[in-house]
Structures are given as structure tokens and as C-alpha cells.
Amino acid sequence: MAHPEHLSDENADRLHRLCERDADLDRLTLHVRKFAAMMTGRHGDRLDGWITGAEQDTLAPLASFARNLRRDLDAVRNGLSLPYSSGAVEGNINRLKMLKRQMFGRAGLDLLRKRVLLAR
């Protein structure tokens, strides 16, 4: 899962030996690295080419993933291109959902409101 430059020499050598033995794993590694470069570099303009390449490969799970990306192509492309992110509020959203689940069917909106405001 690490960037290839951040792998230890031992792990990089191990990955290289595995890819030499298994052509499918070698191709999968190439696809994953290209996708990771799109994500980290915000290169949503490369998405169509990546999806086409993944769909044409014989790796069925990868092709399925690519087809599912195509289902909401504009949203995926924007997510890979634009600098906006909901990451800053994701923790609060998760906390609110947890409180809501804990309170479901037990109390009314007034108590839920107090727990949300006072829970920290």
C-alpha cells in the first residue's frame, strides 16, 4: 500500500520478485500505481484512459472496478481533479451518526440535540 519510493529495500525486492513470477500481479501493480498517481497528483483528465485500459485487461476484478467508476464518471473525475474535500468534517459526521444510532428509539429530538452539543 506504500508509495514505491517509500518501500524498504527488502520489501521492494520482494515485490519485484513476486511481479516477476506472476504476470497478472505485475499488470495489477502497474494499474494500481497509475491510479494512485492520478489520485495524488489530481489528474482526473487521465481517468478515461485508465478505465479503458483496465477494462481491456484480463483481470476481472479490476475491470469490474473500472466499470463501476464509469457509472458515476463525472463525480469520480471531479474527485480526482478538484482540491475540495470533506475530510475536514468527516470525523464530526461520523460522531454525529454514532450518537444518532445510539439514541435511535430511546429519546426525542431534544435529548439528541443536547447530546450532540455537549458530547465532546
N, C-alpha and C. Protein backbone atom coordinates (compact mmCIF):
# COMPACT_ATOMS: atom_id res chain seq x y z
N MET A 1 0.81 -1.20 0.00
CA MET A 1 0.00 0.00 0.00
C MET A 1 0.86 1.27 0.00
N ALA A 2 2.14 1.14 0.26
CA ALA A 2 3.01 2.31 0.33
C ALA A 2 3.44 2.75 -1.07
N HIS A 3 3.81 4.00 -1.16
CA HIS A 3 4.38 4.52 -2.40
C HIS A 3 5.66 3.75 -2.69
N PRO A 4 5.91 3.40 -3.94
CA PRO A 4 7.10 2.60 -4.27
C PRO A 4 8.41 3.19 -3.74
N GLU A 5 8.51 4.52 -3.69
CA GLU A 5 9.72 5.15 -3.19
C GLU A 5 9.87 5.01 -1.68
N HIS A 6 8.77 4.71 -0.98
CA HIS A 6 8.81 4.60 0.47
C HIS A 6 8.95 3.15 0.95
N LEU A 7 9.06 2.22 0.04
CA LEU A 7 9.26 0.82 0.42
C LEU A 7 10.70 0.60 0.87
N SER A 8 10.85 -0.25 1.87
CA SER A 8 12.21 -0.62 2.27
C SER A 8 12.83 -1.43 1.14
N ASP A 9 14.13 -1.53 1.14
CA ASP A 9 14.81 -2.29 0.09
C ASP A 9 14.33 -3.74 0.07
N GLU A 10 14.13 -4.29 1.24
CA GLU A 10 13.67 -5.68 1.34
C GLU A 10 12.28 -5.85 0.74
N ASN A 11 11.36 -4.95 1.07
CA ASN A 11 10.00 -5.04 0.54
C ASN A 11 9.96 -4.75 -0.95
N ALA A 12 10.75 -3.80 -1.41
CA ALA A 12 10.80 -3.51 -2.85
C ALA A 12 11.32 -4.72 -3.61
N ASP A 13 12.34 -5.37 -3.08
CA ASP A 13 12.89 -6.57 -3.71
C ASP A 13 11.87 -7.70 -3.71
N ARG A 14 11.16 -7.86 -2.61
CA ARG A 14 10.13 -8.90 -2.51
C ARG A 14 9.02 -8.66 -3.54
N LEU A 15 8.56 -7.41 -3.65
CA LEU A 15 7.53 -7.09 -4.63
C LEU A 15 8.02 -7.34 -6.05
N HIS A 16 9.25 -6.95 -6.32
CA HIS A 16 9.82 -7.16 -7.64
C HIS A 16 9.87 -8.65 -7.99
N ARG A 17 10.28 -9.48 -7.04
CA ARG A 17 10.34 -10.92 -7.28
C ARG A 17 8.95 -11.51 -7.49
N LEU A 18 7.96 -11.03 -6.73
CA LEU A 18 6.59 -11.52 -6.91
C LEU A 18 6.04 -11.14 -8.29
N CYS A 19 6.31 -9.91 -8.70
CA CYS A 19 5.83 -9.46 -10.01
C CYS A 19 6.51 -10.21 -11.16
N GLU A 20 7.77 -10.61 -10.96
CA GLU A 20 8.45 -11.40 -11.99
C GLU A 20 7.81 -12.77 -12.15
N ARG A 21 7.31 -13.34 -11.05
CA ARG A 21 6.71 -14.68 -11.08
C ARG A 21 5.28 -14.69 -11.60
N ASP A 22 4.57 -13.61 -11.40
CA ASP A 22 3.15 -13.59 -11.73
C ASP A 22 2.85 -12.39 -12.64
N ALA A 23 2.55 -12.67 -13.89
CA ALA A 23 2.28 -11.60 -14.86
C ALA A 23 1.02 -10.81 -14.49
N ASP A 24 0.01 -11.49 -13.94
CA ASP A 24 -1.21 -10.79 -13.53
C ASP A 24 -0.92 -9.79 -12.43
N LEU A 25 -0.13 -10.20 -11.45
CA LEU A 25 0.23 -9.30 -10.36
C LEU A 25 1.06 -8.12 -10.87
N ASP A 26 1.91 -8.38 -11.84
CA ASP A 26 2.72 -7.32 -12.43
C ASP A 26 1.83 -6.28 -13.11
N ARG A 27 0.85 -6.75 -13.91
CA ARG A 27 -0.07 -5.83 -14.58
C ARG A 27 -0.93 -5.08 -13.56
N LEU A 28 -1.40 -5.79 -12.52
CA LEU A 28 -2.21 -5.15 -11.49
C LEU A 28 -1.42 -4.05 -10.79
N THR A 29 -0.17 -4.33 -10.47
CA THR A 29 0.68 -3.33 -9.83
C THR A 29 0.81 -2.09 -10.70
N LEU A 30 0.97 -2.27 -11.99
CA LEU A 30 1.07 -1.14 -12.91
C LEU A 30 -0.21 -0.31 -12.91
N HIS A 31 -1.37 -0.99 -12.98
CA HIS A 31 -2.65 -0.27 -12.96
C HIS A 31 -2.84 0.49 -11.65
N VAL A 32 -2.52 -0.15 -10.54
CA VAL A 32 -2.70 0.49 -9.23
C VAL A 32 -1.79 1.70 -9.10
N ARG A 33 -0.57 1.59 -9.57
CA ARG A 33 0.35 2.72 -9.49
C ARG A 33 -0.12 3.89 -10.34
N LYS A 34 -0.66 3.59 -11.52
CA LYS A 34 -1.19 4.67 -12.37
C LYS A 34 -2.38 5.35 -11.70
N PHE A 35 -3.25 4.54 -11.09
CA PHE A 35 -4.42 5.11 -10.41
C PHE A 35 -3.98 5.94 -9.21
N ALA A 36 -3.01 5.46 -8.46
CA ALA A 36 -2.50 6.21 -7.31
C ALA A 36 -1.89 7.54 -7.75
N ALA A 37 -1.19 7.54 -8.88
CA ALA A 37 -0.61 8.78 -9.39
C ALA A 37 -1.71 9.77 -9.78
N MET A 38 -2.82 9.25 -10.32
CA MET A 38 -3.95 10.13 -10.64
C MET A 38 -4.52 10.74 -9.37
N MET A 39 -4.65 9.92 -8.33
CA MET A 39 -5.23 10.40 -7.08
C MET A 39 -4.36 11.43 -6.40
N THR A 40 -3.08 11.15 -6.27
CA THR A 40 -2.20 12.05 -5.54
C THR A 40 -1.84 13.29 -6.33
N GLY A 41 -1.85 13.20 -7.64
CA GLY A 41 -1.49 14.36 -8.47
C GLY A 41 -2.68 15.11 -9.02
N ARG A 42 -3.89 14.69 -8.64
CA ARG A 42 -5.13 15.30 -9.14
C ARG A 42 -5.15 15.35 -10.66
N HIS A 43 -5.01 14.20 -11.28
CA HIS A 43 -5.01 14.10 -12.73
C HIS A 43 -6.28 13.39 -13.21
N GLY A 44 -7.42 13.98 -12.93
CA GLY A 44 -8.69 13.40 -13.35
C GLY A 44 -8.84 13.31 -14.85
N ASP A 45 -8.05 14.10 -15.59
CA ASP A 45 -8.12 14.06 -17.04
C ASP A 45 -7.59 12.74 -17.60
N ARG A 46 -6.84 11.98 -16.81
CA ARG A 46 -6.32 10.68 -17.25
C ARG A 46 -7.27 9.53 -16.95
N LEU A 47 -8.39 9.81 -16.30
CA LEU A 47 -9.28 8.75 -15.84
C LEU A 47 -9.86 7.91 -16.97
N ASP A 48 -10.31 8.56 -18.05
CA ASP A 48 -10.91 7.80 -19.16
C ASP A 48 -9.93 6.78 -19.73
N GLY A 49 -8.70 7.19 -19.93
CA GLY A 49 -7.69 6.28 -20.45
C GLY A 49 -7.39 5.14 -19.50
N TRP A 50 -7.36 5.45 -18.19
CA TRP A 50 -7.09 4.41 -17.20
C TRP A 50 -8.23 3.39 -17.17
N ILE A 51 -9.46 3.88 -17.20
CA ILE A 51 -10.62 2.98 -17.18
C ILE A 51 -10.62 2.09 -18.42
N THR A 52 -10.36 2.67 -19.58
CA THR A 52 -10.33 1.88 -20.82
C THR A 52 -9.26 0.80 -20.73
N GLY A 53 -8.08 1.14 -20.25
CA GLY A 53 -7.01 0.16 -20.11
C GLY A 53 -7.35 -0.94 -19.13
N ALA A 54 -7.98 -0.57 -18.01
CA ALA A 54 -8.36 -1.56 -17.00
C ALA A 54 -9.46 -2.48 -17.52
N GLU A 55 -10.40 -1.93 -18.27
CA GLU A 55 -11.49 -2.75 -18.82
C GLU A 55 -10.98 -3.73 -19.87
N GLN A 56 -9.95 -3.34 -20.61
CA GLN A 56 -9.42 -4.21 -21.66
C GLN A 56 -8.49 -5.28 -21.13
N ASP A 57 -8.04 -5.14 -19.89
CA ASP A 57 -7.15 -6.13 -19.28
C ASP A 57 -7.97 -7.37 -18.90
N THR A 58 -7.28 -8.48 -18.73
CA THR A 58 -7.97 -9.74 -18.40
C THR A 58 -8.21 -9.91 -16.91
N LEU A 59 -7.86 -8.92 -16.11
CA LEU A 59 -8.07 -9.00 -14.66
C LEU A 59 -9.52 -8.63 -14.35
N ALA A 60 -10.36 -9.63 -14.12
CA ALA A 60 -11.80 -9.41 -13.96
C ALA A 60 -12.15 -8.46 -12.81
N PRO A 61 -11.57 -8.61 -11.60
CA PRO A 61 -11.94 -7.68 -10.53
C PRO A 61 -11.56 -6.23 -10.85
N LEU A 62 -10.45 -6.04 -11.51
CA LEU A 62 -10.03 -4.69 -11.89
C LEU A 62 -10.98 -4.11 -12.94
N ALA A 63 -11.36 -4.92 -13.90
CA ALA A 63 -12.31 -4.47 -14.93
C ALA A 63 -13.65 -4.12 -14.30
N SER A 64 -14.08 -4.90 -13.32
CA SER A 64 -15.33 -4.62 -12.63
C SER A 64 -15.24 -3.29 -11.89
N PHE A 65 -14.12 -3.05 -11.22
CA PHE A 65 -13.89 -1.78 -10.52
C PHE A 65 -13.96 -0.62 -11.51
N ALA A 66 -13.32 -0.77 -12.66
CA ALA A 66 -13.30 0.28 -13.68
C ALA A 66 -14.71 0.55 -14.21
N ARG A 67 -15.48 -0.52 -14.45
CA ARG A 67 -16.86 -0.33 -14.93
C ARG A 67 -17.70 0.42 -13.90
N ASN A 68 -17.49 0.12 -12.62
CA ASN A 68 -18.25 0.82 -11.58
C ASN A 68 -17.84 2.29 -11.48
N LEU A 69 -16.58 2.60 -11.75
CA LEU A 69 -16.15 4.00 -11.78
C LEU A 69 -16.86 4.74 -12.91
N ARG A 70 -17.05 4.06 -14.01
CA ARG A 70 -17.69 4.67 -15.18
C ARG A 70 -19.15 5.03 -14.89
N ARG A 71 -19.77 4.34 -13.94
CA ARG A 71 -21.19 4.59 -13.62
C ARG A 71 -21.41 6.01 -13.09
N ASP A 72 -20.41 6.57 -12.41
CA ASP A 72 -20.53 7.93 -11.91
C ASP A 72 -19.27 8.71 -12.29
N LEU A 73 -19.00 8.71 -13.56
CA LEU A 73 -17.75 9.22 -14.10
C LEU A 73 -17.47 10.68 -13.74
N ASP A 74 -18.48 11.53 -13.84
CA ASP A 74 -18.26 12.95 -13.56
C ASP A 74 -17.85 13.17 -12.11
N ALA A 75 -18.50 12.48 -11.18
CA ALA A 75 -18.16 12.64 -9.76
C ALA A 75 -16.75 12.13 -9.47
N VAL A 76 -16.39 11.00 -10.06
CA VAL A 76 -15.05 10.44 -9.85
C VAL A 76 -14.00 11.37 -10.45
N ARG A 77 -14.25 11.85 -11.65
CA ARG A 77 -13.30 12.76 -12.29
C ARG A 77 -13.12 14.03 -11.45
N ASN A 78 -14.22 14.58 -10.94
CA ASN A 78 -14.12 15.78 -10.10
C ASN A 78 -13.36 15.47 -8.81
N GLY A 79 -13.61 14.30 -8.23
CA GLY A 79 -12.90 13.92 -7.01
C GLY A 79 -11.40 13.80 -7.24
N LEU A 80 -11.02 13.38 -8.45
CA LEU A 80 -9.60 13.24 -8.77
C LEU A 80 -8.98 14.55 -9.26
N SER A 81 -9.79 15.54 -9.56
CA SER A 81 -9.28 16.79 -10.14
C SER A 81 -9.34 17.98 -9.21
N LEU A 82 -10.41 18.11 -8.48
CA LEU A 82 -10.65 19.32 -7.70
C LEU A 82 -10.00 19.25 -6.32
N PRO A 83 -9.61 20.39 -5.77
CA PRO A 83 -8.94 20.39 -4.46
C PRO A 83 -9.90 20.28 -3.27
N TYR A 84 -11.20 20.26 -3.52
CA TYR A 84 -12.18 20.26 -2.43
C TYR A 84 -12.29 18.87 -1.82
N SER A 85 -12.49 18.83 -0.49
CA SER A 85 -12.59 17.57 0.21
C SER A 85 -13.47 17.73 1.44
N SER A 86 -14.18 16.68 1.79
CA SER A 86 -14.99 16.70 3.00
C SER A 86 -14.22 16.08 4.17
N GLY A 87 -12.93 15.84 3.97
CA GLY A 87 -12.12 15.21 5.00
C GLY A 87 -12.10 15.96 6.32
N ALA A 88 -12.14 17.28 6.26
CA ALA A 88 -12.06 18.08 7.48
C ALA A 88 -13.28 17.88 8.38
N VAL A 89 -14.42 17.56 7.81
CA VAL A 89 -15.65 17.40 8.61
C VAL A 89 -16.06 15.94 8.77
N GLU A 90 -15.31 15.04 8.15
CA GLU A 90 -15.69 13.63 8.17
C GLU A 90 -15.75 13.06 9.59
N GLY A 91 -14.84 13.47 10.45
CA GLY A 91 -14.86 13.00 11.85
C GLY A 91 -16.12 13.42 12.58
N ASN A 92 -16.54 14.67 12.36
CA ASN A 92 -17.77 15.14 13.01
C ASN A 92 -18.99 14.42 12.46
N ILE A 93 -19.01 14.15 11.18
CA ILE A 93 -20.14 13.43 10.59
C ILE A 93 -20.22 12.03 11.19
N ASN A 94 -19.08 11.37 11.31
CA ASN A 94 -19.04 10.03 11.90
C ASN A 94 -19.53 10.06 13.35
N ARG A 95 -19.09 11.05 14.12
CA ARG A 95 -19.51 11.19 15.53
C ARG A 95 -21.01 11.42 15.63
N LEU A 96 -21.56 12.27 14.77
CA LEU A 96 -23.00 12.54 14.81
C LEU A 96 -23.81 11.29 14.45
N LYS A 97 -23.34 10.54 13.47
CA LYS A 97 -24.05 9.31 13.09
C LYS A 97 -24.03 8.30 14.23
N MET A 98 -22.89 8.20 14.93
CA MET A 98 -22.80 7.28 16.05
C MET A 98 -23.76 7.67 17.16
N LEU A 99 -23.82 8.96 17.48
CA LEU A 99 -24.76 9.43 18.50
C LEU A 99 -26.20 9.17 18.09
N LYS A 100 -26.50 9.41 16.85
CA LYS A 100 -27.86 9.18 16.34
C LYS A 100 -28.24 7.71 16.46
N ARG A 101 -27.29 6.82 16.11
CA ARG A 101 -27.58 5.38 16.23
C ARG A 101 -27.78 4.97 17.68
N GLN A 102 -26.99 5.53 18.59
CA GLN A 102 -27.13 5.20 20.00
C GLN A 102 -28.47 5.65 20.55
N MET A 103 -28.97 6.75 20.06
CA MET A 103 -30.20 7.34 20.58
C MET A 103 -31.46 6.85 19.88
N PHE A 104 -31.30 6.11 18.77
CA PHE A 104 -32.47 5.73 17.97
C PHE A 104 -33.49 4.97 18.81
N GLY A 105 -34.73 5.46 18.82
CA GLY A 105 -35.83 4.80 19.51
C GLY A 105 -35.83 4.98 21.01
N ARG A 106 -34.90 5.73 21.55
CA ARG A 106 -34.79 5.86 23.01
C ARG A 106 -35.24 7.22 23.53
N ALA A 107 -35.03 8.24 22.76
CA ALA A 107 -35.34 9.57 23.25
C ALA A 107 -35.73 10.46 22.07
N GLY A 108 -36.22 11.60 22.42
CA GLY A 108 -36.68 12.53 21.40
C GLY A 108 -35.57 13.42 20.88
N LEU A 109 -35.96 14.34 20.03
CA LEU A 109 -35.03 15.25 19.39
C LEU A 109 -34.34 16.17 20.40
N ASP A 110 -35.04 16.54 21.48
CA ASP A 110 -34.44 17.45 22.47
C ASP A 110 -33.22 16.82 23.13
N LEU A 111 -33.33 15.55 23.54
CA LEU A 111 -32.20 14.89 24.18
C LEU A 111 -31.07 14.65 23.18
N LEU A 112 -31.41 14.29 21.95
CA LEU A 112 -30.39 14.10 20.93
C LEU A 112 -29.63 15.40 20.69
N ARG A 113 -30.36 16.51 20.65
CA ARG A 113 -29.73 17.82 20.46
C ARG A 113 -28.75 18.12 21.59
N LYS A 114 -29.15 17.84 22.84
CA LYS A 114 -28.27 18.09 23.98
C LYS A 114 -27.02 17.22 23.91
N ARG A 115 -27.18 15.96 23.54
CA ARG A 115 -26.03 15.06 23.45
C ARG A 115 -25.06 15.51 22.36
N VAL A 116 -25.63 15.98 21.23
CA VAL A 116 -24.77 16.42 20.13
C VAL A 116 -23.97 17.66 20.55
N LEU A 117 -24.63 18.58 21.22
CA LEU A 117 -23.97 19.82 21.62
C LEU A 117 -22.99 19.62 22.77
N LEU A 118 -23.30 18.69 23.67
CA LEU A 118 -22.45 18.51 24.85
C LEU A 118 -21.41 17.40 24.71
N ALA A 119 -21.59 16.53 23.75
CA ALA A 119 -20.65 15.41 23.59
C ALA A 119 -19.38 15.90 22.91
N ARG A 120 -18.32 15.85 23.59
CA ARG A 120 -17.02 16.25 23.02
C ARG A 120 -15.96 15.60 23.78
